[in-house]
Amino acid sequence: MSARTGNGLFAAGRTTTPIGTWLKIASGEPVEIMAYAGFDFVVVDLEHAPLDLQTAYRLISSAAALGMAPLVRVPDKTPSTIQKILDAGAAGILVPHVDTLEQAEAVGAACRFPPHGVRGAGGTSRAGAWGLRATADYLAAGNDEVLCIPQLESVEAIKAAPDMLALDTVDAVFVGAADLSMSMGTTPADPEVAELIASAIAAAHAAGKKCGLAFGGVPDRAAQAVREGCDFLLLSNDTTMLAEAARDLVRQFRAAAQ
């Protein structure tokens, strides 16, 4: 099976590093703004934002229509949730706190139709063009296109990364540096955390796959991560961009008005 691209996100021959951002606001406007700003993909955040499946469905649809690959961070490893998100048309999922090979196997199986996995057929969904898409095409897209990306957020997960990445059902890994460092009782700036991230990147590349990272509003650090091997990255999120812009505007006015 050839490498999955997630609606072109990991397309062979791509010359720029894919950049995305988290979506946490239950509204369509931020999706449009991110598309106009030039992001390649968005991740609808069902883990750390009060978004429901219906809202996620609308954001997925909007992002795809605007030319961005719509990924979703699911709130847990439940196969029924994963199935609904993929039938809503997501180009892939990020799954938090995948710590073991067994968990990665289960998550990967939830993303794939038999005989590669256990995902149920729902061809009358958006992913199946409401039943208008040929069944063979619908099933092939689920097995050959949709991205399954476990999040590595513990030392145990980093150690299991080579085995996870050896699974055909897993396409990439994403290192959650904040949770990883908290699990170690330290901070993302700790050199030991950097070493673990580097080992995850090396494991991904050894398997011919991708490794991603998230950053806040620090593009210089993100660019350095790309130079060190990071394959895709997330910059900030819609709520923090709004909050920082609002705070800075007020501060600038107060300073100018003195």
C-alpha atoms as a PDB file:
ATOM      1  CA  MET A   1       0.000   0.000   0.000  1.00  0.00           C
ATOM      2  CA  SER A   2       1.411   3.402  -0.959  1.00  0.00           C
ATOM      3  CA  ALA A   3       1.784   6.164   1.614  1.00  0.00           C
ATOM      4  CA  ARG A   4      -1.459   7.896   2.521  1.00  0.00           C
ATOM      5  CA  THR A   5      -1.600  11.624   1.841  1.00  0.00           C
ATOM      6  CA  GLY A   6      -4.649  12.893   3.751  1.00  0.00           C
ATOM      7  CA  ASN A   7      -6.210  14.967   0.965  1.00  0.00           C
ATOM      8  CA  GLY A   8      -2.746  15.867  -0.310  1.00  0.00           C
ATOM      9  CA  LEU A   9      -1.330  16.958   3.038  1.00  0.00           C
ATOM     10  CA  PHE A  10       1.519  14.445   2.824  1.00  0.00           C
ATOM     11  CA  ALA A  11       1.677  14.313  -0.957  1.00  0.00           C
ATOM     12  CA  ALA A  12       4.949  13.105  -2.451  1.00  0.00           C
ATOM     13  CA  GLY A  13       7.033  15.878  -3.961  1.00  0.00           C
ATOM     14  CA  ARG A  14       5.599  18.592  -1.740  1.00  0.00           C
ATOM     15  CA  THR A  15       8.179  21.374  -1.435  1.00  0.00           C
ATOM     16  CA  THR A  16       6.867  23.182   1.655  1.00  0.00           C
ATOM     17  CA  THR A  17       6.295  21.941   5.200  1.00  0.00           C
ATOM     18  CA  PRO A  18       2.562  21.688   5.954  1.00  0.00           C
ATOM     19  CA  ILE A  19       1.478  24.146   8.640  1.00  0.00           C
ATOM     20  CA  GLY A  20      -1.806  24.081  10.469  1.00  0.00           C
ATOM     21  CA  THR A  21      -3.568  25.444  13.516  1.00  0.00           C
ATOM     22  CA  TRP A  22      -6.055  24.211  16.107  1.00  0.00           C
ATOM     23  CA  LEU A  23      -9.722  25.163  15.852  1.00  0.00           C
ATOM     24  CA  LYS A  24     -11.456  25.620  19.205  1.00  0.00           C
ATOM     25  CA  ILE A  25     -14.229  28.120  18.390  1.00  0.00           C
ATOM     26  CA  ALA A  26     -17.642  26.718  17.464  1.00  0.00           C
ATOM     27  CA  SER A  27     -18.061  28.965  14.434  1.00  0.00           C
ATOM     28  CA  GLY A  28     -17.295  28.886  10.730  1.00  0.00           C
ATOM     29  CA  GLU A  29     -15.585  32.266  10.536  1.00  0.00           C
ATOM     30  CA  PRO A  30     -12.247  31.163  12.046  1.00  0.00           C
ATOM     31  CA  VAL A  31     -12.056  28.371   9.456  1.00  0.00           C
ATOM     32  CA  GLU A  32     -12.365  30.918   6.658  1.00  0.00           C
ATOM     33  CA  ILE A  33      -9.812  33.194   8.270  1.00  0.00           C
ATOM     34  CA  MET A  34      -7.273  30.374   8.544  1.00  0.00           C
ATOM     35  CA  ALA A  35      -7.777  29.487   4.889  1.00  0.00           C
ATOM     36  CA  TYR A  36      -7.300  33.088   3.774  1.00  0.00           C
ATOM     37  CA  ALA A  37      -4.232  33.342   6.028  1.00  0.00           C
ATOM     38  CA  GLY A  38      -2.616  30.476   4.125  1.00  0.00           C
ATOM     39  CA  PHE A  39      -2.705  27.508   6.485  1.00  0.00           C
ATOM     40  CA  ASP A  40      -2.488  24.113   4.802  1.00  0.00           C
ATOM     41  CA  PHE A  41      -4.625  22.273   7.334  1.00  0.00           C
ATOM     42  CA  VAL A  42      -6.634  22.719  10.501  1.00  0.00           C
ATOM     43  CA  VAL A  43      -7.214  20.405  13.438  1.00  0.00           C
ATOM     44  CA  VAL A  44     -10.673  20.539  14.976  1.00  0.00           C
ATOM     45  CA  ASP A  45      -9.974  20.081  18.673  1.00  0.00           C
ATOM     46  CA  LEU A  46     -12.484  17.791  20.376  1.00  0.00           C
ATOM     47  CA  GLU A  47     -10.094  17.067  23.246  1.00  0.00           C
ATOM     48  CA  HIS A  48      -9.481  20.513  24.706  1.00  0.00           C
ATOM     49  CA  ALA A  49     -12.405  22.561  23.377  1.00  0.00           C
ATOM     50  CA  PRO A  50     -16.170  22.409  24.065  1.00  0.00           C
ATOM     51  CA  LEU A  51     -17.029  21.297  20.531  1.00  0.00           C
ATOM     52  CA  ASP A  52     -19.542  18.578  19.731  1.00  0.00           C
ATOM     53  CA  LEU A  53     -19.710  16.202  16.764  1.00  0.00           C
ATOM     54  CA  GLN A  54     -22.227  18.320  14.883  1.00  0.00           C
ATOM     55  CA  THR A  55     -19.982  21.378  15.138  1.00  0.00           C
ATOM     56  CA  ALA A  56     -16.976  19.313  14.100  1.00  0.00           C
ATOM     57  CA  TYR A  57     -18.930  18.139  11.072  1.00  0.00           C
ATOM     58  CA  ARG A  58     -19.568  21.740   9.952  1.00  0.00           C
ATOM     59  CA  LEU A  59     -15.943  22.763  10.482  1.00  0.00           C
ATOM     60  CA  ILE A  60     -14.693  19.736   8.533  1.00  0.00           C
ATOM     61  CA  SER A  61     -16.973  20.604   5.628  1.00  0.00           C
ATOM     62  CA  SER A  62     -15.928  24.269   5.604  1.00  0.00           C
ATOM     63  CA  ALA A  63     -12.220  23.512   5.764  1.00  0.00           C
ATOM     64  CA  ALA A  64     -12.403  21.034   2.897  1.00  0.00           C
ATOM     65  CA  ALA A  65     -14.411  23.482   0.771  1.00  0.00           C
ATOM     66  CA  LEU A  66     -11.773  26.145   1.398  1.00  0.00           C
ATOM     67  CA  GLY A  67      -8.918  23.911   0.281  1.00  0.00           C
ATOM     68  CA  MET A  68      -7.485  22.969   3.673  1.00  0.00           C
ATOM     69  CA  ALA A  69      -7.082  19.397   4.856  1.00  0.00           C
ATOM     70  CA  PRO A  70      -9.488  18.934   7.796  1.00  0.00           C
ATOM     71  CA  LEU A  71      -8.030  16.850  10.611  1.00  0.00           C
ATOM     72  CA  VAL A  72      -9.728  16.212  13.936  1.00  0.00           C
ATOM     73  CA  ARG A  73      -8.223  15.558  17.344  1.00  0.00           C
ATOM     74  CA  VAL A  74     -10.670  13.075  18.791  1.00  0.00           C
ATOM     75  CA  PRO A  75     -11.423  13.199  22.527  1.00  0.00           C
ATOM     76  CA  ASP A  76     -10.585   9.524  23.121  1.00  0.00           C
ATOM     77  CA  LYS A  77      -9.804   6.233  21.418  1.00  0.00           C
ATOM     78  CA  THR A  78     -13.428   5.096  21.063  1.00  0.00           C
ATOM     79  CA  PRO A  79     -13.971   3.413  17.654  1.00  0.00           C
ATOM     80  CA  SER A  80     -17.519   4.782  17.373  1.00  0.00           C
ATOM     81  CA  THR A  81     -16.260   8.364  17.713  1.00  0.00           C
ATOM     82  CA  ILE A  82     -13.482   7.764  15.194  1.00  0.00           C
ATOM     83  CA  GLN A  83     -15.956   6.269  12.733  1.00  0.00           C
ATOM     84  CA  LYS A  84     -18.332   9.230  12.971  1.00  0.00           C
ATOM     85  CA  ILE A  85     -15.503  11.720  12.461  1.00  0.00           C
ATOM     86  CA  LEU A  86     -14.167   9.903   9.406  1.00  0.00           C
ATOM     87  CA  ASP A  87     -17.632   9.518   7.883  1.00  0.00           C
ATOM     88  CA  ALA A  88     -18.037  13.264   8.384  1.00  0.00           C
ATOM     89  CA  GLY A  89     -15.228  13.664   5.843  1.00  0.00           C
ATOM     90  CA  ALA A  90     -12.156  14.264   7.986  1.00  0.00           C
ATOM     91  CA  ALA A  91      -8.864  13.758   6.162  1.00  0.00           C
ATOM     92  CA  GLY A  92      -7.472  12.139   9.285  1.00  0.00           C
ATOM     93  CA  ILE A  93      -7.438  12.014  13.052  1.00  0.00           C
ATOM     94  CA  LEU A  94      -5.017  12.791  15.842  1.00  0.00           C
ATOM     95  CA  VAL A  95      -5.538  10.505  18.829  1.00  0.00           C
ATOM     96  CA  PRO A  96      -4.337  11.717  22.249  1.00  0.00           C
ATOM     97  CA  HIS A  97      -2.337   9.642  24.714  1.00  0.00           C
ATOM     98  CA  VAL A  98      -1.519   6.601  22.627  1.00  0.00           C
ATOM     99  CA  ASP A  99       1.090   5.001  24.880  1.00  0.00           C
ATOM    100  CA  THR A 100       1.431   1.400  23.717  1.00  0.00           C
ATOM    101  CA  LEU A 101       1.634  -0.674  20.581  1.00  0.00           C
ATOM    102  CA  GLU A 102      -1.657  -2.327  21.505  1.00  0.00           C
ATOM    103  CA  GLN A 103      -3.411   1.041  21.719  1.00  0.00           C
ATOM    104  CA  ALA A 104      -1.937   2.079  18.364  1.00  0.00           C
ATOM    105  CA  GLU A 105      -3.132  -1.188  16.824  1.00  0.00           C
ATOM    106  CA  ALA A 106      -6.662  -0.575  18.097  1.00  0.00           C
ATOM    107  CA  VAL A 107      -6.734   3.030  16.893  1.00  0.00           C
ATOM    108  CA  GLY A 108      -5.353   2.078  13.489  1.00  0.00           C
ATOM    109  CA  ALA A 109      -7.924  -0.688  13.128  1.00  0.00           C
ATOM    110  CA  ALA A 110     -10.728   1.774  13.962  1.00  0.00           C
ATOM    111  CA  CYS A 111      -9.649   3.892  10.974  1.00  0.00           C
ATOM    112  CA  ARG A 112      -9.628   1.097   8.375  1.00  0.00           C
ATOM    113  CA  PHE A 113     -12.281  -1.039   6.755  1.00  0.00           C
ATOM    114  CA  PRO A 114     -11.941  -4.846   6.793  1.00  0.00           C
ATOM    115  CA  PRO A 115      -9.753  -6.706   6.168  1.00  0.00           C
ATOM    116  CA  HIS A 116      -7.338  -3.997   7.334  1.00  0.00           C
ATOM    117  CA  GLY A 117      -9.405  -2.927  10.336  1.00  0.00           C
ATOM    118  CA  VAL A 118     -12.820  -2.847  11.962  1.00  0.00           C
ATOM    119  CA  ARG A 119     -14.368   0.406  10.715  1.00  0.00           C
ATOM    120  CA  GLY A 120     -18.001  -0.071   9.704  1.00  0.00           C
ATOM    121  CA  ALA A 121     -19.263   0.936   6.278  1.00  0.00           C
ATOM    122  CA  GLY A 122     -21.298   4.152   6.177  1.00  0.00           C
ATOM    123  CA  GLY A 123     -21.456   4.994   2.498  1.00  0.00           C
ATOM    124  CA  THR A 124     -24.527   7.197   2.905  1.00  0.00           C
ATOM    125  CA  SER A 125     -22.449   9.663   4.923  1.00  0.00           C
ATOM    126  CA  ARG A 126     -20.624  12.763   3.687  1.00  0.00           C
ATOM    127  CA  ALA A 127     -17.494  10.674   3.107  1.00  0.00           C
ATOM    128  CA  GLY A 128     -19.576   8.513   0.789  1.00  0.00           C
ATOM    129  CA  ALA A 129     -21.179  11.519  -0.952  1.00  0.00           C
ATOM    130  CA  TRP A 130     -24.519  10.645   0.624  1.00  0.00           C
ATOM    131  CA  GLY A 131     -24.564   7.289  -1.106  1.00  0.00           C
ATOM    132  CA  LEU A 132     -23.662   8.681  -4.521  1.00  0.00           C
ATOM    133  CA  ARG A 133     -20.012   7.643  -4.321  1.00  0.00           C
ATOM    134  CA  ALA A 134     -19.201   4.188  -5.603  1.00  0.00           C
ATOM    135  CA  THR A 135     -18.810   1.799  -2.697  1.00  0.00           C
ATOM    136  CA  ALA A 136     -15.412   0.677  -3.924  1.00  0.00           C
ATOM    137  CA  ASP A 137     -14.169   4.280  -4.017  1.00  0.00           C
ATOM    138  CA  TYR A 138     -15.559   5.013  -0.545  1.00  0.00           C
ATOM    139  CA  LEU A 139     -13.859   1.958   0.932  1.00  0.00           C
ATOM    140  CA  ALA A 140     -10.600   2.599  -0.918  1.00  0.00           C
ATOM    141  CA  ALA A 141     -10.455   6.195   0.315  1.00  0.00           C
ATOM    142  CA  GLY A 142     -10.897   5.065   3.904  1.00  0.00           C
ATOM    143  CA  ASN A 143      -8.094   2.538   3.630  1.00  0.00           C
ATOM    144  CA  ASP A 144      -5.737   4.399   1.295  1.00  0.00           C
ATOM    145  CA  GLU A 145      -6.181   8.110   2.029  1.00  0.00           C
ATOM    146  CA  VAL A 146      -7.307   8.830   5.606  1.00  0.00           C
ATOM    147  CA  LEU A 147      -4.489   9.601   8.063  1.00  0.00           C
ATOM    148  CA  CYS A 148      -4.164   7.930  11.463  1.00  0.00           C
ATOM    149  CA  ILE A 149      -1.832   9.912  13.727  1.00  0.00           C
ATOM    150  CA  PRO A 150      -1.249   8.772  17.328  1.00  0.00           C
ATOM    151  CA  GLN A 151      -0.096  11.418  19.780  1.00  0.00           C
ATOM    152  CA  LEU A 152       2.981  10.501  21.816  1.00  0.00           C
ATOM    153  CA  GLU A 153       2.689  12.155  25.212  1.00  0.00           C
ATOM    154  CA  SER A 154       4.701   9.983  27.590  1.00  0.00           C
ATOM    155  CA  VAL A 155       8.131   8.394  27.775  1.00  0.00           C
ATOM    156  CA  GLU A 156       6.417   5.025  27.321  1.00  0.00           C
ATOM    157  CA  ALA A 157       4.863   6.258  24.077  1.00  0.00           C
ATOM    158  CA  ILE A 158       8.174   7.543  22.731  1.00  0.00           C
ATOM    159  CA  LYS A 159       9.797   4.191  23.440  1.00  0.00           C
ATOM    160  CA  ALA A 160       6.952   2.393  21.647  1.00  0.00           C
ATOM    161  CA  ALA A 161       7.095   4.732  18.643  1.00  0.00           C
ATOM    162  CA  PRO A 162       9.200   2.471  16.370  1.00  0.00           C
ATOM    163  CA  ASP A 163       6.732  -0.390  16.816  1.00  0.00           C
ATOM    164  CA  MET A 164       3.726   1.897  16.334  1.00  0.00           C
ATOM    165  CA  LEU A 165       5.210   3.324  13.158  1.00  0.00           C
ATOM    166  CA  ALA A 166       5.807  -0.162  11.799  1.00  0.00           C
ATOM    167  CA  LEU A 167       2.022  -0.608  11.631  1.00  0.00           C
ATOM    168  CA  ASP A 168       0.614  -0.122   8.136  1.00  0.00           C
ATOM    169  CA  THR A 169      -2.497   1.434   9.677  1.00  0.00           C
ATOM    170  CA  VAL A 170      -0.464   4.257  11.279  1.00  0.00           C
ATOM    171  CA  ASP A 171       0.739   7.069   8.997  1.00  0.00           C
ATOM    172  CA  ALA A 172       2.566   9.480  11.312  1.00  0.00           C
ATOM    173  CA  VAL A 173       3.045  10.411  14.942  1.00  0.00           C
ATOM    174  CA  PHE A 174       2.563  13.705  16.725  1.00  0.00           C
ATOM    175  CA  VAL A 175       4.600  14.531  19.835  1.00  0.00           C
ATOM    176  CA  GLY A 176       2.673  16.449  22.494  1.00  0.00           C
ATOM    177  CA  ALA A 177       5.642  18.138  24.128  1.00  0.00           C
ATOM    178  CA  ALA A 178       3.588  19.806  26.874  1.00  0.00           C
ATOM    179  CA  ASP A 179       2.019  16.587  28.153  1.00  0.00           C
ATOM    180  CA  LEU A 180       5.249  14.675  27.594  1.00  0.00           C
ATOM    181  CA  SER A 181       7.202  17.090  29.749  1.00  0.00           C
ATOM    182  CA  MET A 182       4.479  17.171  32.438  1.00  0.00           C
ATOM    183  CA  SER A 183       4.545  13.383  32.627  1.00  0.00           C
ATOM    184  CA  MET A 184       8.275  13.696  33.310  1.00  0.00           C
ATOM    185  CA  GLY A 185       7.849  16.421  35.916  1.00  0.00           C
ATOM    186  CA  THR A 186       9.685  18.995  33.825  1.00  0.00           C
ATOM    187  CA  THR A 187       9.080  21.533  31.023  1.00  0.00           C
ATOM    188  CA  PRO A 188       9.293  21.428  27.203  1.00  0.00           C
ATOM    189  CA  ALA A 189      12.590  23.329  27.439  1.00  0.00           C
ATOM    190  CA  ASP A 190      14.287  20.421  29.209  1.00  0.00           C
ATOM    191  CA  PRO A 191      17.078  18.944  27.039  1.00  0.00           C
ATOM    192  CA  GLU A 192      15.797  15.452  27.875  1.00  0.00           C
ATOM    193  CA  VAL A 193      12.469  16.338  26.264  1.00  0.00           C
ATOM    194  CA  ALA A 194      14.300  17.544  23.164  1.00  0.00           C
ATOM    195  CA  GLU A 195      16.172  14.237  23.008  1.00  0.00           C
ATOM    196  CA  LEU A 196      12.915  12.277  23.199  1.00  0.00           C
ATOM    197  CA  ILE A 197      11.383  14.396  20.438  1.00  0.00           C
ATOM    198  CA  ALA A 198      14.456  13.826  18.278  1.00  0.00           C
ATOM    199  CA  SER A 199      14.154  10.076  18.839  1.00  0.00           C
ATOM    200  CA  ALA A 200      10.498  10.158  17.735  1.00  0.00           C
ATOM    201  CA  ILE A 201      11.438  12.057  14.575  1.00  0.00           C
ATOM    202  CA  ALA A 202      14.220   9.558  13.858  1.00  0.00           C
ATOM    203  CA  ALA A 203      11.827   6.634  14.365  1.00  0.00           C
ATOM    204  CA  ALA A 204       9.300   8.168  11.984  1.00  0.00           C
ATOM    205  CA  HIS A 205      11.875   8.784   9.292  1.00  0.00           C
ATOM    206  CA  ALA A 206      13.319   5.292   9.684  1.00  0.00           C
ATOM    207  CA  ALA A 207       9.813   3.977   8.963  1.00  0.00           C
ATOM    208  CA  GLY A 208       9.377   6.328   5.999  1.00  0.00           C
ATOM    209  CA  LYS A 209       6.680   8.269   7.842  1.00  0.00           C
ATOM    210  CA  LYS A 210       6.081  11.718   9.361  1.00  0.00           C
ATOM    211  CA  CYS A 211       6.442  13.320  12.787  1.00  0.00           C
ATOM    212  CA  GLY A 212       4.687  16.526  13.802  1.00  0.00           C
ATOM    213  CA  LEU A 213       4.898  19.055  16.624  1.00  0.00           C
ATOM    214  CA  ALA A 214       2.841  21.958  17.957  1.00  0.00           C
ATOM    215  CA  PHE A 215       4.009  25.447  18.847  1.00  0.00           C
ATOM    216  CA  GLY A 216       2.334  28.580  20.085  1.00  0.00           C
ATOM    217  CA  GLY A 217       2.953  31.900  18.398  1.00  0.00           C
ATOM    218  CA  VAL A 218       6.682  31.255  18.016  1.00  0.00           C
ATOM    219  CA  PRO A 219       7.379  30.778  14.297  1.00  0.00           C
ATOM    220  CA  ASP A 220      11.150  30.988  14.790  1.00  0.00           C
ATOM    221  CA  ARG A 221      11.123  27.943  17.078  1.00  0.00           C
ATOM    222  CA  ALA A 222       8.838  26.120  14.664  1.00  0.00           C
ATOM    223  CA  ALA A 223      11.164  26.852  11.763  1.00  0.00           C
ATOM    224  CA  GLN A 224      14.091  25.513  13.766  1.00  0.00           C
ATOM    225  CA  ALA A 225      12.112  22.341  14.457  1.00  0.00           C
ATOM    226  CA  VAL A 226      11.625  21.884  10.724  1.00  0.00           C
ATOM    227  CA  ARG A 227      15.368  22.241  10.198  1.00  0.00           C
ATOM    228  CA  GLU A 228      15.792  19.526  12.834  1.00  0.00           C
ATOM    229  CA  GLY A 229      13.491  17.150  10.968  1.00  0.00           C
ATOM    230  CA  CYS A 230       9.896  17.980  11.937  1.00  0.00           C
ATOM    231  CA  ASP A 231       7.610  17.139   8.997  1.00  0.00           C
ATOM    232  CA  PHE A 232       4.403  19.052   9.840  1.00  0.00           C
ATOM    233  CA  LEU A 233       3.515  21.500  12.554  1.00  0.00           C
ATOM    234  CA  LEU A 234       0.767  23.426  14.249  1.00  0.00           C
ATOM    235  CA  LEU A 235       1.073  27.123  15.063  1.00  0.00           C
ATOM    236  CA  SER A 236      -1.107  28.569  17.829  1.00  0.00           C
ATOM    237  CA  ASN A 237      -4.928  28.247  17.706  1.00  0.00           C
ATOM    238  CA  ASP A 238      -7.901  30.412  16.850  1.00  0.00           C
ATOM    239  CA  THR A 239      -8.754  31.401  20.450  1.00  0.00           C
ATOM    240  CA  THR A 240      -5.206  32.375  21.416  1.00  0.00           C
ATOM    241  CA  MET A 241      -4.708  34.377  18.223  1.00  0.00           C
ATOM    242  CA  LEU A 242      -7.844  36.357  19.042  1.00  0.00           C
ATOM    243  CA  ALA A 243      -6.894  36.749  22.714  1.00  0.00           C
ATOM    244  CA  GLU A 244      -3.367  37.942  21.958  1.00  0.00           C
ATOM    245  CA  ALA A 245      -4.508  40.379  19.282  1.00  0.00           C
ATOM    246  CA  ALA A 246      -7.147  41.810  21.624  1.00  0.00           C
ATOM    247  CA  ARG A 247      -4.738  42.158  24.528  1.00  0.00           C
ATOM    248  CA  ASP A 248      -2.046  43.773  22.383  1.00  0.00           C
ATOM    249  CA  LEU A 249      -4.533  46.243  20.915  1.00  0.00           C
ATOM    250  CA  VAL A 250      -5.684  47.336  24.372  1.00  0.00           C
ATOM    251  CA  ARG A 251      -2.111  47.599  25.644  1.00  0.00           C
ATOM    252  CA  GLN A 252      -1.054  49.681  22.663  1.00  0.00           C
ATOM    253  CA  PHE A 253      -3.986  52.023  23.121  1.00  0.00           C
ATOM    254  CA  ARG A 254      -3.333  52.428  26.861  1.00  0.00           C
ATOM    255  CA  ALA A 255       0.319  53.201  26.171  1.00  0.00           C
ATOM    256  CA  ALA A 256      -0.493  55.693  23.435  1.00  0.00           C
ATOM    257  CA  ALA A 257      -3.153  57.408  25.562  1.00  0.00           C
ATOM    258  CA  GLN A 258      -0.870  58.118  28.485  1.00  0.00           C
END
